[in-house]
Amino acid sequence: MLVPCTVESVRVHVLTNQHVVLLQAEGVRRLLPIWIGPDQAYSIATRIAGITSERPLTHDLMVDMLGKVGAEITRVVVKELVADDNGGGVFHGSVFLQVGEREIEVDCRPSDAIALAVRCSARILVAESVLDRSAITAESNDDHELSVFREFIESLPDEPPQSS
């Protein structure tokens, strides 16, 4: 099953300078943190803040090109979390395009999918198995886990750092 989500925020961890997008599952108190690169973080954060750039960013260009050839992004999906050799995991995503009567699924990084979705109001969906495995749930019985996560989230600034 796929769970609709919205972008809660994009943050930068002050000590590590790592970027994270937080997806909020609709109807429940679950946040899914996905670590992303600085370019995707900037692209997502500026769009949700309503900031436009002087020239099109890569994701703006992609949406414009797709529109000009008659393709529409209908939804993006964070479909799985694949374990890596370091004990962590890598999220996999897809962008779904409607081209006439045909639907096309394109494999991509979830960060790129989210950056595209916020530009064209496409639905952001996350596989329930990914949420079950990686989301932080406010209804959790593990108060220590929640307090550590809250401290982490509160240590992240609301705005990405300004480029010099």
Protein backbone atom coordinates (compact mmCIF):
# COMPACT_ATOMS: atom_id res chain seq x y z
CA MET A 1 0.00 0.00 0.00
CA LEU A 2 1.15 3.56 -0.74
CA VAL A 3 0.77 6.34 1.84
CA PRO A 4 0.29 9.97 0.72
CA CYS A 5 2.92 12.30 2.19
CA THR A 6 3.81 15.97 2.13
CA VAL A 7 7.15 17.70 2.54
CA GLU A 8 7.28 18.80 6.18
CA SER A 9 10.64 20.56 5.81
CA VAL A 10 14.17 20.43 4.48
CA ARG A 11 16.89 20.82 7.07
CA VAL A 12 20.67 20.91 7.38
CA HIS A 13 22.40 19.33 10.36
CA VAL A 14 24.65 22.03 11.77
CA LEU A 15 27.49 19.76 12.90
CA THR A 16 27.68 17.43 9.90
CA ASN A 17 26.34 19.75 7.17
CA GLN A 18 24.19 16.84 5.92
CA HIS A 19 20.81 17.59 4.37
CA VAL A 20 17.56 15.82 5.12
CA VAL A 21 14.05 16.11 3.71
CA LEU A 22 11.29 15.20 6.16
CA LEU A 23 8.16 13.67 4.68
CA GLN A 24 4.99 13.79 6.78
CA ALA A 25 2.59 10.89 6.27
CA GLU A 26 -0.98 12.14 5.92
CA GLY A 27 -3.43 11.30 8.66
CA VAL A 28 -0.83 9.93 11.11
CA ARG A 29 2.01 11.36 13.13
CA ARG A 30 4.88 9.76 11.21
CA LEU A 31 7.91 11.52 9.76
CA LEU A 32 10.21 9.91 7.23
CA PRO A 33 13.71 11.43 7.15
CA ILE A 34 15.54 10.95 3.85
CA TRP A 35 19.16 12.13 3.66
CA ILE A 36 19.73 14.01 0.42
CA GLY A 37 22.40 15.97 -1.39
CA PRO A 38 22.79 19.75 -1.08
CA ASP A 39 21.62 20.46 -4.65
CA GLN A 40 18.36 18.55 -4.20
CA ALA A 41 17.88 20.11 -0.74
CA TYR A 42 18.25 23.59 -2.22
CA SER A 43 15.91 22.74 -5.10
CA ILE A 44 13.18 21.41 -2.78
CA ALA A 45 13.58 24.07 -0.08
CA THR A 46 13.48 27.05 -2.44
CA ARG A 47 10.39 25.76 -4.19
CA ILE A 48 8.39 25.07 -1.01
CA ALA A 49 9.46 28.51 0.29
CA GLY A 50 8.17 30.11 -2.92
CA ILE A 51 11.61 31.42 -3.92
CA THR A 52 12.26 31.58 -7.65
CA SER A 53 15.71 31.58 -9.18
CA GLU A 54 16.87 33.93 -11.89
CA ARG A 55 17.43 31.04 -14.27
CA PRO A 56 15.75 27.61 -14.24
CA LEU A 57 17.22 25.03 -11.90
CA THR A 58 17.64 21.49 -13.28
CA HIS A 59 14.30 20.34 -11.86
CA ASP A 60 12.54 23.39 -13.33
CA LEU A 61 14.09 22.57 -16.70
CA MET A 62 12.93 18.95 -16.49
CA VAL A 63 9.33 19.92 -15.69
CA ASP A 64 9.34 22.50 -18.50
CA MET A 65 10.73 19.99 -21.03
CA LEU A 66 8.25 17.30 -20.01
CA GLY A 67 5.38 19.75 -20.37
CA LYS A 68 6.53 20.84 -23.82
CA VAL A 69 6.52 17.25 -25.08
CA GLY A 70 3.10 16.56 -23.57
CA ALA A 71 4.16 14.51 -20.55
CA GLU A 72 2.66 15.14 -17.11
CA ILE A 73 4.14 14.03 -13.78
CA THR A 74 1.19 12.43 -11.99
CA ARG A 75 2.89 11.07 -8.88
CA VAL A 76 6.22 10.19 -7.35
CA VAL A 77 6.83 7.17 -5.16
CA VAL A 78 9.45 6.30 -2.56
CA LYS A 79 9.12 2.60 -3.26
CA GLU A 80 11.78 0.81 -1.26
CA LEU A 81 14.72 0.98 1.08
CA VAL A 82 17.52 -1.34 0.01
CA ALA A 83 20.07 -2.34 2.66
CA ASP A 84 23.68 -1.43 1.94
CA ASP A 85 26.95 -2.99 3.15
CA ASN A 86 27.41 -0.34 5.86
CA GLY A 87 24.33 -1.30 7.86
CA GLY A 88 22.27 1.53 6.38
CA GLY A 89 20.15 1.71 3.31
CA VAL A 90 19.45 3.47 0.05
CA PHE A 91 15.99 4.74 -0.83
CA HIS A 92 14.70 4.03 -4.33
CA GLY A 93 12.07 6.12 -6.04
CA SER A 94 10.03 6.47 -9.21
CA VAL A 95 8.43 9.27 -11.16
CA PHE A 96 5.22 8.38 -13.00
CA LEU A 97 4.55 10.21 -16.25
CA GLN A 98 1.31 10.33 -18.20
CA VAL A 99 1.97 10.65 -21.93
CA GLY A 100 -1.34 10.56 -23.77
CA GLU A 101 -2.98 7.26 -22.83
CA ARG A 102 0.32 5.73 -21.69
CA GLU A 103 1.79 5.74 -18.18
CA ILE A 104 5.56 5.52 -17.86
CA GLU A 105 7.51 4.76 -14.68
CA VAL A 106 11.01 6.26 -14.46
CA ASP A 107 13.46 5.03 -11.81
CA CYS A 108 15.13 7.85 -9.85
CA ARG A 109 16.44 9.04 -6.53
CA PRO A 110 13.62 10.03 -4.17
CA SER A 111 15.22 13.47 -3.72
CA ASP A 112 14.91 14.19 -7.45
CA ALA A 113 11.37 12.82 -7.48
CA ILE A 114 10.37 15.08 -4.58
CA ALA A 115 12.02 18.11 -6.22
CA LEU A 116 9.93 17.44 -9.34
CA ALA A 117 6.72 16.80 -7.38
CA VAL A 118 6.84 20.10 -5.50
CA ARG A 119 7.13 21.92 -8.84
CA CYS A 120 4.03 20.43 -10.42
CA SER A 121 1.86 19.53 -7.41
CA ALA A 122 2.22 15.81 -8.10
CA ARG A 123 1.29 13.43 -5.31
CA ILE A 124 4.15 12.16 -3.13
CA LEU A 125 3.55 8.55 -2.07
CA VAL A 126 5.66 6.31 0.14
CA ALA A 127 5.42 2.54 0.36
CA GLU A 128 3.99 1.52 3.71
CA SER A 129 6.87 -0.96 4.12
CA VAL A 130 9.35 1.94 3.86
CA LEU A 131 7.45 3.94 6.48
CA ASP A 132 7.23 0.91 8.76
CA ARG A 133 10.97 0.40 8.50
CA SER A 134 12.26 3.99 8.62
CA ALA A 135 9.66 6.49 9.85
CA ILE A 136 9.61 7.92 13.33
CA THR A 137 6.16 7.60 14.86
CA ALA A 138 4.94 9.97 17.54
CA GLU A 139 2.75 7.21 18.95
CA SER A 140 5.83 5.08 19.58
CA ASN A 141 6.23 3.53 23.01
CA ASP A 142 9.95 4.20 22.85
CA ASP A 143 10.18 7.62 24.53
CA HIS A 144 13.98 7.56 24.35
CA GLU A 145 13.90 7.07 20.57
CA LEU A 146 11.43 9.93 20.21
CA SER A 147 13.41 12.29 22.45
CA VAL A 148 16.63 11.59 20.51
CA PHE A 149 14.81 12.21 17.23
CA ARG A 150 13.18 15.41 18.55
CA GLU A 151 16.58 16.69 19.72
CA PHE A 152 18.02 15.91 16.30
CA ILE A 153 15.16 17.65 14.46
CA GLU A 154 15.34 20.66 16.75
CA SER A 155 19.08 20.95 16.06
CA LEU A 156 18.39 21.39 12.34
CA PRO A 157 17.85 24.94 11.08
CA ASP A 158 14.69 25.71 9.14
CA GLU A 159 16.57 27.30 6.25
CA PRO A 160 19.39 25.87 4.12
CA PRO A 161 22.70 27.69 4.50
CA GLN A 162 23.32 30.49 2.02
CA SER A 163 25.87 29.68 -0.69
CA SER A 164 28.83 31.97 -0.94
